[in-house]
Amino acid sequence: MLGKGGIKFIKRIVEYEIRHPEYNFRRVKQTIEYRRDPIAKYWSRVNRDRARRPEQAADFDEEKFEYFALSVAKKCPFCFPRVYNNTPMFISEYIDAGRLEREVTIVFPNAYPFAIHHAVGIFRSEHYVRLDEIRGEDIATALFAYREYFKVIHSKDPKARYMSINMNFLPPSGASIIHPHMQIFIDYVPTEMMKRLFYYSKKYYRKYKSNPWVDLVESEKHIGDRFIVTGNVLSWIASFSPLANKEVIGIATDSSSNFVKLSDDEIEGMGEDIANMLNAFYNIGVKSVNMTIFTAPINRDWKFFKINVRIVARKNPAMFYTNDRAFMEIFHREVVITSLPEELANKLRIFY
C-alpha cells in the first residue's frame, strides 16, 4: 500500500498449515505477515495466533506483585532519603553539585554505564507506581532535567552529541530496580538504530524532498487503521512493523528534530502526551513497558528527521525476575553484555 510521498507499507503474507491437536488434528492454517518498516526498512513478523500459546509462567496477580514491590522498598537505593547516600555522584568537572535536581527528579551517573556519559533520572518519589498513576507533570519535570543534563555535558565534552532518553518499567522490561526511573545518555557515536533512522530519513528526504516522519503521520491519518490520536506535541500511531509486541510511535511533526531545542511548552506537552499513552497502555492490560525517545544530535536540527517516542508492551510480571532484554536490545539494536567472552571461554574449558 502506498502512502504520501515515498511512504510504502510493504508486507508479504504466507500461510502455515499443520494438523493441530487443539482441533482434533484437523488441518489448520495460520497466517504469517512479513512487514517492512516504511522509513528504516527493517522487517518484523506477525502471527496473531501466537497470542494463544499456553504460557506456564503467565499468571499475574497485581496485589501480590505490589506486595513484593513494596517489600523491597526498604532496600531500594533510589528511595528518599537513601538516594543521597546510595547513588553515585558526577565528578566536579561535569556537575559540581554531584547530582542534578529539579523538583522530585534527581539525575546521577549510572553506576554501571554502557555509554561515555550515562545517567539515571528518578522521576517519582514513591518506590512503586502503576502506569496509570504516572502523570504528565512527572514526565515533563524529568524531561526538563534531562534537557539540562544534555546541555551541561555537551558544554563540557563537545564530542558527546548523540542523545537518548530511555525507560525500562518493571522487571519484565529489564529494570533491575522497581523505583520509577529513566536512563539517559549522550555519547560520541550513535547506536545502530540511531544510525539506521538517520541514514534512511536523510536518504528519503533527498529523494522525495519531504520529511519522511511527517509523510508517515499524514499517510497513517489518511489510511486510519493504525492512527491513534494527535496529542499536544506527539501524533501517535501503532507501528506498521513493530520492534516488539504492541509498539506505538509518537512523532513530533510540528517541532524541532532536536530534543534540546524544544520549548518549555513543547516539553510540557510531550510529558502529558507520554503519560496519557502510558495510562492508556495500563487500561488495555499492560503493566510493564520499554520506552525510548530518539532525537537528532545535540548540535543539529535536521529537516529530514523528527523526534519520535517509541513504547512497547512487555509481559506482565509473573515469576519475579529481571529480563535481560531491555531498551538497548529492543530499540537501539545493540546488546549490552555483562560477561567477557574470554572469561566465559576460560570457565568452559575447565568442564568441557
Protein backbone atom coordinates (compact mmCIF):
# COMPACT_ATOMS: atom_id res chain seq x y z
CA MET A 1 0.00 0.00 0.00
CA LEU A 2 1.29 3.45 -0.92
CA GLY A 3 1.18 6.42 1.41
CA LYS A 4 2.17 10.05 0.98
CA GLY A 5 5.41 10.77 -0.87
CA GLY A 6 7.66 7.75 -0.73
CA ILE A 7 5.95 6.04 2.19
CA LYS A 8 5.24 2.40 1.33
CA PHE A 9 3.57 -0.15 3.60
CA ILE A 10 5.08 -3.36 2.29
CA LYS A 11 4.12 -6.77 3.61
CA ARG A 12 4.27 -10.35 2.41
CA ILE A 13 1.71 -12.88 3.60
CA VAL A 14 2.30 -16.62 3.79
CA GLU A 15 0.22 -19.46 5.22
CA TYR A 16 1.46 -22.19 7.53
CA GLU A 17 -0.56 -25.42 7.72
CA ILE A 18 -0.41 -28.17 10.33
CA ARG A 19 -2.65 -30.80 11.91
CA HIS A 20 -3.35 -29.13 15.23
CA PRO A 21 -4.06 -31.03 18.49
CA GLU A 22 -6.49 -28.31 19.65
CA TYR A 23 -8.70 -29.16 16.67
CA ASN A 24 -8.51 -32.97 16.90
CA PHE A 25 -5.57 -32.90 14.49
CA ARG A 26 -7.57 -31.41 11.67
CA ARG A 27 -5.68 -29.29 9.16
CA VAL A 28 -5.37 -25.71 10.41
CA LYS A 29 -3.86 -22.70 8.66
CA GLN A 30 -2.12 -19.79 10.31
CA THR A 31 -1.17 -16.55 8.60
CA ILE A 32 2.31 -15.06 8.93
CA GLU A 33 2.94 -11.48 7.81
CA TYR A 34 6.41 -10.17 6.97
CA ARG A 35 6.25 -6.38 7.36
CA ARG A 36 8.86 -3.77 6.41
CA ASP A 37 9.17 -0.50 8.31
CA PRO A 38 8.23 2.38 5.96
CA ILE A 39 11.22 4.53 6.95
CA ALA A 40 14.06 2.44 8.42
CA LYS A 41 13.45 -0.65 6.20
CA TYR A 42 13.82 -3.29 8.94
CA TRP A 43 11.48 -6.30 8.89
CA SER A 44 9.24 -7.78 11.55
CA ARG A 45 7.00 -10.84 11.56
CA VAL A 46 3.44 -11.05 12.81
CA ASN A 47 1.44 -14.16 13.70
CA ARG A 48 -1.63 -13.25 15.74
CA ASP A 49 -2.26 -16.91 16.61
CA ARG A 50 0.90 -16.92 18.77
CA ALA A 51 -1.05 -14.92 21.36
CA ARG A 52 -2.98 -18.14 22.05
CA ARG A 53 0.11 -20.11 23.09
CA PRO A 54 -0.07 -21.72 26.53
CA GLU A 55 2.29 -19.89 28.89
CA GLN A 56 3.18 -21.75 32.04
CA ALA A 57 4.54 -18.65 33.76
CA ALA A 58 1.88 -16.19 32.66
CA ASP A 59 -0.21 -15.72 35.81
CA PHE A 60 -0.25 -12.17 37.13
CA ASP A 61 -1.59 -11.11 40.50
CA GLU A 62 -1.33 -7.34 40.86
CA GLU A 63 -1.85 -7.42 44.63
CA LYS A 64 0.93 -9.97 45.11
CA PHE A 65 3.27 -8.01 42.87
CA GLU A 66 2.51 -4.77 44.68
CA TYR A 67 3.23 -6.52 48.00
CA PHE A 68 6.54 -7.78 46.59
CA ALA A 69 7.43 -4.35 45.17
CA LEU A 70 6.76 -2.57 48.45
CA SER A 71 8.58 -5.26 50.45
CA VAL A 72 11.87 -4.41 48.73
CA ALA A 73 11.38 -0.65 49.11
CA LYS A 74 13.28 -0.58 52.38
CA LYS A 75 16.41 -1.62 50.49
CA CYS A 76 15.84 0.49 47.38
CA PRO A 77 18.80 2.82 46.68
CA PHE A 78 16.54 5.21 44.74
CA CYS A 79 14.12 5.88 47.62
CA PHE A 80 14.37 9.02 49.73
CA PRO A 81 16.48 9.77 51.66
CA ARG A 82 18.76 6.80 50.80
CA VAL A 83 19.21 8.09 47.26
CA TYR A 84 21.72 10.65 48.54
CA ASN A 85 23.92 8.03 50.20
CA ASN A 86 23.43 5.07 47.87
CA THR A 87 23.75 6.53 44.37
CA PRO A 88 26.86 7.85 42.59
CA MET A 89 27.74 11.49 42.06
CA PHE A 90 29.08 13.25 38.99
CA ILE A 91 32.68 14.38 39.10
CA SER A 92 33.08 18.12 39.65
CA GLU A 93 34.37 18.68 36.12
CA TYR A 94 30.87 17.95 34.84
CA ILE A 95 28.36 18.79 37.57
CA ASP A 96 29.85 20.49 40.59
CA ALA A 97 26.90 19.71 42.88
CA GLY A 98 27.35 15.99 42.21
CA ARG A 99 23.77 15.47 41.12
CA LEU A 100 21.28 17.45 39.07
CA GLU A 101 17.88 18.05 40.70
CA ARG A 102 14.61 19.54 39.56
CA GLU A 103 11.69 19.12 41.99
CA VAL A 104 11.43 15.35 42.64
CA THR A 105 13.62 14.45 39.65
CA ILE A 106 17.19 13.54 40.59
CA VAL A 107 19.80 12.83 37.91
CA PHE A 108 23.02 10.99 38.79
CA PRO A 109 25.60 8.90 36.92
CA ASN A 110 24.80 5.27 36.22
CA ALA A 111 26.92 3.07 38.47
CA TYR A 112 27.25 0.51 35.67
CA PRO A 113 27.30 2.52 32.42
CA PHE A 114 27.37 1.44 28.80
CA ALA A 115 27.93 4.89 27.27
CA ILE A 116 30.61 7.52 27.81
CA HIS A 117 28.01 9.70 29.58
CA HIS A 118 25.23 7.56 31.03
CA ALA A 119 22.91 8.84 33.76
CA VAL A 120 19.85 7.71 35.69
CA GLY A 121 16.92 10.02 36.36
CA ILE A 122 14.43 9.23 39.14
CA PHE A 123 11.10 10.89 38.35
CA ARG A 124 8.84 9.88 41.27
CA SER A 125 9.50 9.82 45.00
CA GLU A 126 7.29 6.75 45.53
CA HIS A 127 9.01 3.39 45.21
CA TYR A 128 6.21 1.75 43.25
CA VAL A 129 3.66 3.30 40.91
CA ARG A 130 1.49 1.78 38.21
CA LEU A 131 1.49 3.03 34.62
CA ASP A 132 -1.91 4.62 35.14
CA GLU A 133 -0.51 6.61 38.08
CA ILE A 134 2.17 8.37 36.02
CA ARG A 135 1.24 11.98 35.40
CA GLY A 136 2.19 14.42 32.68
CA GLU A 137 3.97 16.64 35.18
CA ASP A 138 6.12 13.68 36.28
CA ILE A 139 7.39 13.12 32.76
CA ALA A 140 7.70 16.81 31.91
CA THR A 141 9.72 17.60 35.05
CA ALA A 142 12.05 14.73 34.21
CA LEU A 143 12.41 15.90 30.60
CA PHE A 144 13.34 19.41 31.77
CA ALA A 145 16.07 17.90 33.96
CA TYR A 146 17.33 15.68 31.15
CA ARG A 147 17.47 18.65 28.77
CA GLU A 148 19.66 20.46 31.27
CA TYR A 149 21.85 17.36 31.67
CA PHE A 150 22.42 17.12 27.91
CA LYS A 151 23.34 20.80 27.67
CA VAL A 152 25.76 20.66 30.57
CA ILE A 153 27.52 17.50 29.41
CA HIS A 154 27.86 18.75 25.82
CA SER A 155 29.25 22.07 27.03
CA LYS A 156 31.96 20.20 28.95
CA ASP A 157 32.52 17.45 26.37
CA PRO A 158 31.61 18.73 22.87
CA LYS A 159 32.33 15.34 21.27
CA ALA A 160 29.31 13.94 23.13
CA ARG A 161 26.45 14.60 20.70
CA TYR A 162 24.14 11.61 20.35
CA MET A 163 21.32 11.79 22.90
CA SER A 164 18.76 9.26 24.02
CA ILE A 165 16.11 9.06 26.76
CA ASN A 166 15.03 5.56 27.77
CA MET A 167 12.89 3.73 30.29
CA ASN A 168 12.65 0.14 31.50
CA PHE A 169 9.50 -0.01 33.61
CA LEU A 170 9.31 -3.02 36.00
CA PRO A 171 11.38 -6.24 35.83
CA PRO A 172 9.85 -7.74 32.65
CA SER A 173 11.26 -4.73 30.77
CA GLY A 174 14.78 -5.31 32.07
CA ALA A 175 14.53 -2.91 35.03
CA SER A 176 16.75 -4.10 37.88
CA ILE A 177 15.15 -1.58 40.25
CA ILE A 178 11.38 -1.12 40.56
CA HIS A 179 11.51 2.56 41.60
CA PRO A 180 10.36 4.67 38.57
CA HIS A 181 13.37 5.94 36.69
CA MET A 182 14.75 6.56 33.21
CA GLN A 183 18.19 6.10 31.70
CA ILE A 184 19.67 8.89 29.63
CA PHE A 185 22.91 9.04 27.74
CA ILE A 186 24.85 11.27 25.38
CA ASP A 187 27.64 9.56 23.51
CA TYR A 188 30.35 10.05 20.91
CA VAL A 189 28.77 7.61 18.46
CA PRO A 190 25.15 6.82 17.56
CA THR A 191 23.62 3.45 18.33
CA GLU A 192 22.85 1.07 15.49
CA MET A 193 19.19 2.11 15.40
CA MET A 194 20.07 5.80 15.51
CA LYS A 195 22.35 5.33 12.51
CA ARG A 196 19.62 3.48 10.66
CA LEU A 197 16.95 6.07 11.40
CA PHE A 198 19.23 8.97 10.50
CA TYR A 199 20.54 7.34 7.30
CA TYR A 200 17.19 6.31 5.85
CA SER A 201 15.47 9.56 6.87
CA LYS A 202 18.16 11.56 5.05
CA LYS A 203 18.00 9.26 2.02
CA TYR A 204 14.22 9.67 1.86
CA TYR A 205 14.45 13.46 2.18
CA ARG A 206 16.96 13.71 -0.65
CA LYS A 207 14.80 11.60 -2.96
CA TYR A 208 11.31 12.92 -2.18
CA LYS A 209 12.13 16.46 -0.91
CA SER A 210 9.92 15.97 2.15
CA ASN A 211 10.26 14.82 5.74
CA PRO A 212 9.52 11.07 5.97
CA TRP A 213 8.15 11.32 9.53
CA VAL A 214 5.62 13.99 8.53
CA ASP A 215 4.69 11.91 5.48
CA LEU A 216 4.30 8.81 7.67
CA VAL A 217 1.87 10.54 10.02
CA GLU A 218 -0.13 12.01 7.14
CA SER A 219 -0.25 8.59 5.48
CA GLU A 220 -1.45 6.89 8.65
CA LYS A 221 -4.07 9.59 9.21
CA HIS A 222 -5.38 9.04 5.70
CA ILE A 223 -5.44 5.24 6.00
CA GLY A 224 -6.89 5.38 9.51
CA ASP A 225 -6.20 1.78 10.56
CA ARG A 226 -3.16 2.49 12.75
CA PHE A 227 -3.55 6.19 13.56
CA ILE A 228 -4.40 6.66 17.25
CA VAL A 229 -4.54 10.34 18.23
CA THR A 230 -2.96 13.75 17.81
CA GLY A 231 -1.74 14.94 21.19
CA ASN A 232 -0.26 18.23 22.32
CA VAL A 233 3.07 17.57 20.59
CA LEU A 234 3.08 13.92 19.55
CA SER A 235 0.96 12.21 16.92
CA TRP A 236 0.58 8.58 17.98
CA ILE A 237 0.42 5.65 15.57
CA ALA A 238 0.61 1.90 16.04
CA SER A 239 3.83 0.79 14.37
CA PHE A 240 3.26 -0.92 10.99
CA SER A 241 6.39 -3.06 11.51
CA PRO A 242 6.80 -3.32 15.30
CA LEU A 243 10.16 -3.73 17.02
CA ALA A 244 8.35 -5.62 19.80
CA ASN A 245 4.82 -6.51 20.80
CA LYS A 246 2.31 -3.66 20.87
CA GLU A 247 4.63 -0.88 19.71
CA VAL A 248 3.38 2.69 19.34
CA ILE A 249 5.32 5.64 17.95
CA GLY A 250 4.73 9.25 18.94
CA ILE A 251 6.07 11.66 16.30
CA ALA A 252 6.65 15.37 16.95
CA THR A 253 5.71 16.51 13.46
CA ASP A 254 5.48 20.24 14.19
CA SER A 255 8.52 20.52 16.46
CA SER A 256 12.29 20.58 16.13
CA SER A 257 14.12 17.36 15.36
CA ASN A 258 16.34 18.13 18.34
CA PHE A 259 15.13 17.49 21.89
CA VAL A 260 17.33 20.21 23.39
CA LYS A 261 15.72 22.81 21.12
CA LEU A 262 12.16 22.10 22.30
CA SER A 263 10.41 24.99 24.03
CA ASP A 264 9.21 24.68 27.61
CA ASP A 265 5.61 24.45 26.38
CA GLU A 266 6.57 21.65 23.99
CA ILE A 267 8.28 19.69 26.75
CA GLU A 268 5.25 20.07 28.99
CA GLY A 269 3.01 18.93 26.15
CA MET A 270 5.25 15.98 25.36
CA GLY A 271 5.23 14.96 29.02
CA GLU A 272 1.44 14.93 29.04
CA ASP A 273 1.30 13.00 25.74
CA ILE A 274 3.65 10.31 27.03
CA ALA A 275 1.84 9.99 30.36
CA ASN A 276 -1.51 9.69 28.58
CA MET A 277 -0.16 6.89 26.42
CA LEU A 278 1.32 5.06 29.42
CA ASN A 279 -2.05 5.36 31.17
CA ALA A 280 -3.78 4.00 28.05
CA PHE A 281 -1.41 1.02 27.95
CA TYR A 282 -2.36 0.18 31.54
CA ASN A 283 -6.04 0.36 30.66
CA ILE A 284 -5.63 -2.29 27.93
CA GLY A 285 -3.96 -4.64 30.42
CA VAL A 286 -0.26 -3.74 30.04
CA LYS A 287 1.71 -3.37 33.28
CA SER A 288 5.34 -3.19 32.07
CA VAL A 289 6.84 -1.24 29.14
CA ASN A 290 10.04 -0.09 27.48
CA MET A 291 10.32 3.41 26.07
CA THR A 292 12.91 5.33 24.05
CA ILE A 293 12.97 8.88 22.75
CA PHE A 294 15.04 9.30 19.57
CA THR A 295 16.31 12.75 18.68
CA ALA A 296 18.77 14.41 16.31
CA PRO A 297 22.25 15.03 17.77
CA ILE A 298 22.53 17.90 20.19
CA ASN A 299 24.13 20.32 17.71
CA ARG A 300 21.82 19.53 14.78
CA ASP A 301 18.27 20.42 13.73
CA TRP A 302 17.63 18.30 10.67
CA LYS A 303 14.92 18.92 8.07
CA PHE A 304 14.81 15.18 7.35
CA PHE A 305 14.20 13.96 10.92
CA LYS A 306 11.65 14.32 13.72
CA ILE A 307 11.78 13.40 17.40
CA ASN A 308 10.00 10.09 17.87
CA VAL A 309 8.94 8.36 21.07
CA ARG A 310 8.60 4.56 21.00
CA ILE A 311 6.79 2.49 23.60
CA VAL A 312 6.36 -1.29 23.61
CA ALA A 313 4.50 -3.62 25.95
CA ARG A 314 6.33 -6.29 27.90
CA LYS A 315 4.97 -9.38 29.59
CA ASN A 316 3.18 -8.76 32.87
CA PRO A 317 5.18 -9.72 35.98
CA ALA A 318 4.82 -13.41 36.82
CA MET A 319 7.67 -15.24 38.47
CA PHE A 320 9.69 -12.26 39.62
CA TYR A 321 12.78 -11.85 37.52
CA THR A 322 14.72 -9.19 35.63
CA ASN A 323 14.60 -9.60 31.88
CA ASP A 324 17.94 -9.36 30.08
CA ARG A 325 16.32 -7.75 27.03
CA ALA A 326 15.76 -4.07 27.68
CA PHE A 327 15.62 -0.77 25.79
CA MET A 328 19.08 -1.14 24.23
CA GLU A 329 18.28 -4.52 22.73
CA ILE A 330 14.77 -3.61 21.58
CA PHE A 331 15.03 -0.05 20.35
CA HIS A 332 18.72 0.57 19.73
CA ARG A 333 19.52 -2.87 18.27
CA GLU A 334 22.65 -3.15 20.43
CA VAL A 335 23.13 -5.88 23.02
CA VAL A 336 24.50 -4.99 26.47
CA ILE A 337 26.65 -7.84 27.81
CA THR A 338 27.70 -8.37 31.43
CA SER A 339 30.35 -11.08 30.90
CA LEU A 340 33.60 -11.16 28.96
CA PRO A 341 33.79 -13.79 26.18
CA GLU A 342 37.36 -14.54 27.23
CA GLU A 343 36.29 -15.30 30.82
CA LEU A 344 33.46 -17.49 29.55
CA ALA A 345 35.88 -19.48 27.40
CA ASN A 346 38.25 -19.98 30.33
CA LYS A 347 35.48 -21.29 32.57
CA LEU A 348 34.03 -23.63 29.96
CA ARG A 349 37.45 -25.10 29.10
CA ILE A 350 37.68 -26.47 32.63
CA PHE A 351 34.48 -28.51 32.37
CA TYR A 352 34.43 -29.49 28.70
